[in-house]
Amino acid sequence: MKTFAGIEKQYANKDTAKIYLQSIPYDGTSTWGKGADKGFVAFMNAAENMELYDIETDTEVYKQGIYLLEEAPKFLTPEQMFDYTYKNTKKLLFDNKFLTFFGGEHSISIGLIKAHYEYFDDLTVLQIDAHADLRPNYNGTPYNHACALYDASKNCNLVQFGIRSMDVSEKDNMNYNNVFFADEVNYDNSWEENALDAMTENVYITFDLDAFDPSIMPATGTPEPGGLDWYQATNFLQSVFESKNVVGFDIVELAPIEGHHASQFLAAKLYYKMLSYKFA
């Protein structure tokens, strides 16, 4: 029985674990760098080499229990992917666990988010990302990675953080009061308070790893210069977890580079750090 980070089976039991983790290794609509379908394997290998004591929170969060769900099946179309992720997540929400997901490309988040905003009242979706992802349709489907947050923008409170790349057409779908561009994060000290004020009590986080600067996260499909550093991201996440009720999250767009281990180790640490903030 494989477990997250090689934890003992007693902490990986479905009935007693507080946390579910599912791999959704879909990479069917990515338009440049491929490989996000291999991200979970690299993430899991890195996690097995990670210390499980978190210094910052003085916790060993794995003892809350992390259960690995069955991996999502292979999909022939983005429509199949959306149908599965949406319906499966709706069912999982009734298990009363803290749901976490690992991609795959960012299109997997569309169904995850829809299931969450239908389940939780007055939900905020916090998107941490380099790209706006607000196209209503791209390459013939609304379930493309470039459309990952369009549905959320129309159906719940969307807060976007770290954005530094978008198409001009996406301006019409953007609520600029809820967008915190990457250059603001570097030069405006008031952004964090304003971002927290823009969120409702219940928050779902979708974290695209290209939000990080490619100097520390090159292993992603579309690395954009000018991204976040580790402490910018984690300090903000800590504030979100402390002040809001984070109801679940996904991490997407890890596309491993052969012989380069730092990116998947960062992804594993990020996942574990987010759990540590949640259960501290």
Protein backbone atom coordinates (compact mmCIF):
# COMPACT_ATOMS: atom_id res chain seq x y z
CA MET A 1 0.00 0.00 0.00
CA LYS A 2 1.56 3.28 -1.14
CA THR A 3 1.06 6.22 1.17
CA PHE A 4 1.81 9.93 0.96
CA ALA A 5 5.44 10.57 1.97
CA GLY A 6 5.73 6.93 3.06
CA ILE A 7 3.73 7.58 6.24
CA GLU A 8 2.71 4.62 8.37
CA LYS A 9 -0.49 2.87 7.31
CA GLN A 10 -2.19 3.88 10.56
CA TYR A 11 -2.10 7.48 9.30
CA ALA A 12 -3.31 6.57 5.80
CA ASN A 13 -6.59 4.86 6.67
CA LYS A 14 -9.65 6.07 4.77
CA ASP A 15 -12.02 6.01 7.71
CA THR A 16 -9.82 7.84 10.20
CA ALA A 17 -7.88 10.21 7.92
CA LYS A 18 -9.02 13.83 7.99
CA ILE A 19 -7.43 14.57 4.61
CA TYR A 20 -8.09 13.07 1.18
CA LEU A 21 -5.57 13.46 -1.66
CA GLN A 22 -6.42 12.62 -5.26
CA SER A 23 -4.23 12.67 -8.36
CA ILE A 24 -5.88 13.94 -11.55
CA PRO A 25 -3.08 13.51 -14.12
CA TYR A 26 -4.84 15.15 -17.06
CA ASP A 27 -2.79 17.09 -19.62
CA GLY A 28 -5.10 17.11 -22.62
CA THR A 29 -5.42 20.83 -23.41
CA SER A 30 -2.01 22.28 -22.53
CA THR A 31 -0.71 24.32 -25.45
CA TRP A 32 3.03 24.63 -24.87
CA GLY A 33 5.04 22.71 -22.28
CA LYS A 34 3.61 19.23 -21.82
CA GLY A 35 4.21 16.86 -18.90
CA ALA A 36 1.77 17.89 -16.16
CA ASP A 37 0.29 14.38 -16.34
CA LYS A 38 3.58 13.15 -14.84
CA GLY A 39 3.56 15.68 -12.02
CA PHE A 40 1.98 13.53 -9.32
CA VAL A 41 4.56 10.75 -9.59
CA ALA A 42 7.39 13.27 -9.23
CA PHE A 43 5.55 14.98 -6.36
CA MET A 44 5.11 11.68 -4.51
CA ASN A 45 8.76 10.72 -4.98
CA ALA A 46 9.85 14.07 -3.59
CA ALA A 47 7.47 13.76 -0.63
CA GLU A 48 9.15 10.51 0.40
CA ASN A 49 12.36 12.47 0.93
CA MET A 50 10.77 15.31 2.90
CA GLU A 51 11.01 15.88 6.64
CA LEU A 52 7.55 15.53 8.16
CA TYR A 53 8.06 17.89 11.07
CA ASP A 54 7.14 21.47 10.17
CA ILE A 55 9.32 23.93 12.09
CA GLU A 56 7.12 26.97 11.51
CA THR A 57 3.92 25.45 12.94
CA ASP A 58 5.65 23.00 15.32
CA THR A 59 3.44 20.21 13.95
CA GLU A 60 3.51 16.83 12.25
CA VAL A 61 0.36 17.24 10.22
CA TYR A 62 0.51 13.77 8.64
CA LYS A 63 -0.75 12.45 11.99
CA GLN A 64 -4.12 13.98 11.11
CA GLY A 65 -4.27 11.24 8.48
CA ILE A 66 -3.77 11.56 4.71
CA TYR A 67 -5.62 9.03 2.56
CA LEU A 68 -4.71 8.54 -1.09
CA LEU A 69 -7.81 8.26 -3.21
CA GLU A 70 -7.87 6.22 -6.38
CA GLU A 71 -6.28 8.14 -9.22
CA ALA A 72 -8.64 9.72 -11.74
CA PRO A 73 -9.05 7.66 -14.92
CA LYS A 74 -7.68 8.57 -18.33
CA PHE A 75 -9.88 10.92 -20.33
CA LEU A 76 -10.29 11.13 -24.10
CA THR A 77 -11.79 14.62 -24.08
CA PRO A 78 -11.82 17.69 -21.80
CA GLU A 79 -15.58 17.23 -21.49
CA GLN A 80 -15.06 13.76 -20.01
CA MET A 81 -12.50 15.19 -17.61
CA PHE A 82 -14.87 17.91 -16.42
CA ASP A 83 -17.79 15.51 -16.02
CA TYR A 84 -15.73 13.16 -13.85
CA THR A 85 -14.05 15.78 -11.68
CA TYR A 86 -17.30 17.61 -11.02
CA LYS A 87 -19.44 14.57 -10.19
CA ASN A 88 -16.72 12.77 -8.23
CA THR A 89 -15.94 15.82 -6.11
CA LYS A 90 -19.63 16.36 -5.36
CA LYS A 91 -19.72 12.83 -3.92
CA LEU A 92 -16.47 13.24 -1.97
CA LEU A 93 -17.68 16.39 -0.26
CA PHE A 94 -20.27 14.34 1.63
CA ASP A 95 -17.49 12.28 3.27
CA ASN A 96 -16.74 15.32 5.44
CA LYS A 97 -13.00 15.24 4.76
CA PHE A 98 -10.57 18.01 3.83
CA LEU A 99 -10.25 17.50 0.08
CA THR A 100 -6.98 18.12 -1.75
CA PHE A 101 -6.14 17.46 -5.39
CA PHE A 102 -2.97 17.38 -7.48
CA GLY A 103 -2.87 17.91 -11.25
CA GLY A 104 -2.48 17.70 -14.08
CA GLU A 105 -3.05 20.92 -15.89
CA HIS A 106 -5.22 23.73 -14.57
CA SER A 107 -8.36 22.65 -16.44
CA ILE A 108 -8.92 20.02 -13.74
CA SER A 109 -9.88 22.81 -11.35
CA ILE A 110 -13.05 23.79 -13.23
CA GLY A 111 -15.07 20.82 -11.99
CA LEU A 112 -13.47 20.85 -8.55
CA ILE A 113 -14.38 24.49 -8.03
CA LYS A 114 -17.94 24.07 -9.34
CA ALA A 115 -18.57 21.23 -6.89
CA HIS A 116 -17.23 23.33 -4.02
CA TYR A 117 -19.16 26.53 -4.77
CA GLU A 118 -22.36 24.51 -5.02
CA TYR A 119 -21.66 22.85 -1.67
CA PHE A 120 -20.36 25.79 0.40
CA ASP A 121 -22.28 28.99 0.95
CA ASP A 122 -20.75 32.27 -0.21
CA LEU A 123 -17.49 30.71 -1.39
CA THR A 124 -14.37 32.62 -2.39
CA VAL A 125 -12.01 30.98 -4.85
CA LEU A 126 -8.46 32.18 -4.30
CA GLN A 127 -6.47 31.69 -7.48
CA ILE A 128 -2.68 31.90 -7.08
CA ASP A 129 -1.34 31.91 -10.62
CA ALA A 130 0.73 33.68 -13.25
CA HIS A 131 -2.15 33.65 -15.75
CA ALA A 132 -5.66 35.07 -15.57
CA ASP A 133 -7.27 31.94 -17.13
CA LEU A 134 -10.49 33.85 -17.81
CA ARG A 135 -11.26 32.87 -21.41
CA PRO A 136 -14.82 31.55 -21.75
CA ASN A 137 -13.71 29.15 -24.49
CA TYR A 138 -10.37 28.20 -25.99
CA ASN A 139 -9.49 25.78 -28.79
CA GLY A 140 -13.11 24.74 -29.05
CA THR A 141 -13.91 23.93 -25.42
CA PRO A 142 -14.80 25.76 -22.19
CA TYR A 143 -12.80 23.11 -20.32
CA ASN A 144 -9.38 24.25 -21.51
CA HIS A 145 -6.61 25.24 -19.10
CA ALA A 146 -6.94 28.82 -20.38
CA CYS A 147 -10.57 28.80 -19.13
CA ALA A 148 -9.80 27.43 -15.66
CA LEU A 149 -11.32 30.32 -13.69
CA TYR A 150 -13.94 31.67 -16.07
CA ASP A 151 -16.81 29.70 -14.54
CA ALA A 152 -15.70 30.69 -11.04
CA SER A 153 -15.61 34.36 -12.05
CA LYS A 154 -19.30 34.16 -12.98
CA ASN A 155 -20.58 32.04 -10.09
CA CYS A 156 -18.63 32.89 -6.93
CA ASN A 157 -16.26 35.43 -5.44
CA LEU A 158 -12.96 35.08 -7.31
CA VAL A 159 -9.77 36.62 -5.89
CA GLN A 160 -6.72 36.45 -8.17
CA PHE A 161 -3.18 36.74 -6.84
CA GLY A 162 0.17 36.86 -8.61
CA ILE A 163 -1.24 37.44 -12.11
CA ARG A 164 1.26 38.73 -14.65
CA SER A 165 0.09 37.39 -18.03
CA MET A 166 -3.26 37.58 -19.82
CA ASP A 167 -4.95 38.12 -23.17
CA VAL A 168 -6.64 41.48 -23.78
CA SER A 169 -9.98 39.70 -24.20
CA GLU A 170 -9.84 38.56 -20.57
CA LYS A 171 -10.14 42.15 -19.30
CA ASP A 172 -13.90 41.99 -19.79
CA ASN A 173 -14.15 39.05 -17.38
CA MET A 174 -11.86 40.43 -14.70
CA ASN A 175 -12.98 42.10 -11.47
CA TYR A 176 -10.03 44.42 -10.97
CA ASN A 177 -11.00 45.09 -7.34
CA ASN A 178 -10.21 41.44 -6.61
CA VAL A 179 -7.01 41.12 -8.65
CA PHE A 180 -3.57 41.48 -7.06
CA PHE A 181 -1.04 41.57 -9.84
CA ALA A 182 2.50 40.34 -9.34
CA ASP A 183 4.00 43.84 -9.56
CA GLU A 184 1.70 45.03 -6.73
CA VAL A 185 2.96 42.26 -4.48
CA ASN A 186 6.49 43.58 -4.91
CA TYR A 187 5.80 47.29 -4.54
CA ASP A 188 2.59 47.82 -2.53
CA ASN A 189 2.61 46.93 1.16
CA SER A 190 -1.18 47.13 1.50
CA TRP A 191 -1.98 44.30 -0.90
CA GLU A 192 -2.25 41.50 1.69
CA GLU A 193 -4.79 43.28 3.87
CA ASN A 194 -6.80 44.23 0.80
CA ALA A 195 -6.69 40.67 -0.53
CA LEU A 196 -7.94 39.24 2.75
CA ASP A 197 -10.70 41.85 2.90
CA ALA A 198 -11.83 40.78 -0.57
CA MET A 199 -12.43 37.19 0.59
CA THR A 200 -15.51 35.74 2.23
CA GLU A 201 -15.24 33.33 5.19
CA ASN A 202 -15.13 30.10 3.15
CA VAL A 203 -12.20 29.86 0.75
CA TYR A 204 -11.12 27.28 -1.82
CA ILE A 205 -7.54 27.67 -3.09
CA THR A 206 -6.37 26.74 -6.56
CA PHE A 207 -2.59 27.06 -6.79
CA ASP A 208 -0.93 26.98 -10.20
CA LEU A 209 2.77 26.42 -9.63
CA ASP A 210 3.67 28.90 -12.37
CA ALA A 211 2.74 31.57 -9.81
CA PHE A 212 6.28 31.06 -8.52
CA ASP A 213 9.18 32.71 -10.28
CA PRO A 214 10.81 30.28 -12.74
CA SER A 215 14.11 30.74 -10.91
CA ILE A 216 12.67 28.46 -8.19
CA MET A 217 9.94 26.68 -10.23
CA PRO A 218 11.06 26.11 -13.82
CA ALA A 219 9.20 22.79 -14.15
CA THR A 220 5.86 24.11 -15.36
CA GLY A 221 4.22 24.40 -18.75
CA THR A 222 4.40 28.18 -19.17
CA PRO A 223 6.99 29.72 -16.83
CA GLU A 224 6.53 33.49 -16.57
CA PRO A 225 9.26 35.83 -15.26
CA GLY A 226 8.53 38.05 -12.29
CA GLY A 227 6.82 35.50 -10.08
CA LEU A 228 6.51 34.89 -6.36
CA ASP A 229 9.27 33.70 -4.11
CA TRP A 230 8.75 31.03 -1.45
CA TYR A 231 8.12 33.33 1.50
CA GLN A 232 5.85 35.71 -0.41
CA ALA A 233 3.63 32.75 -1.18
CA THR A 234 3.76 30.94 2.15
CA ASN A 235 3.41 34.06 4.32
CA PHE A 236 0.28 34.97 2.38
CA LEU A 237 -1.06 31.42 2.62
CA GLN A 238 -0.50 31.40 6.36
CA SER A 239 -2.55 34.60 6.68
CA VAL A 240 -5.35 33.10 4.59
CA PHE A 241 -5.47 29.88 6.61
CA GLU A 242 -5.38 31.77 9.90
CA SER A 243 -8.14 34.25 9.05
CA LYS A 244 -10.45 32.20 6.79
CA ASN A 245 -12.04 28.77 6.66
CA VAL A 246 -10.13 27.09 3.85
CA VAL A 247 -12.39 24.27 2.67
CA GLY A 248 -10.05 22.55 0.20
CA PHE A 249 -7.38 23.17 -2.40
CA ASP A 250 -5.69 21.94 -5.54
CA ILE A 251 -2.13 22.28 -6.85
CA VAL A 252 -1.58 22.08 -10.60
CA GLU A 253 0.88 22.39 -13.49
CA LEU A 254 3.98 20.57 -12.24
CA ALA A 255 5.69 19.34 -15.41
CA PRO A 256 8.85 17.55 -14.22
CA ILE A 257 12.22 18.17 -15.85
CA GLU A 258 14.42 15.09 -16.04
CA GLY A 259 17.34 15.32 -13.62
CA HIS A 260 15.91 18.38 -11.86
CA HIS A 261 14.46 17.59 -8.43
CA ALA A 262 14.04 21.02 -6.85
CA SER A 263 10.68 21.82 -8.46
CA GLN A 264 8.90 18.67 -7.34
CA PHE A 265 10.40 19.04 -3.88
CA LEU A 266 9.01 22.58 -3.74
CA ALA A 267 5.59 21.22 -4.77
CA ALA A 268 5.71 18.57 -2.04
CA LYS A 269 6.76 21.12 0.58
CA LEU A 270 4.03 23.51 -0.56
CA TYR A 271 1.37 20.82 -0.23
CA TYR A 272 2.57 19.81 3.21
CA LYS A 273 2.94 23.45 4.32
CA MET A 274 -0.67 24.18 3.33
CA LEU A 275 -1.87 21.21 5.34
CA SER A 276 0.27 22.35 8.27
CA TYR A 277 -1.38 25.78 8.19
CA LYS A 278 -4.83 24.22 7.97
CA PHE A 279 -4.45 21.92 10.98
CA ALA A 280 -1.99 23.91 13.11
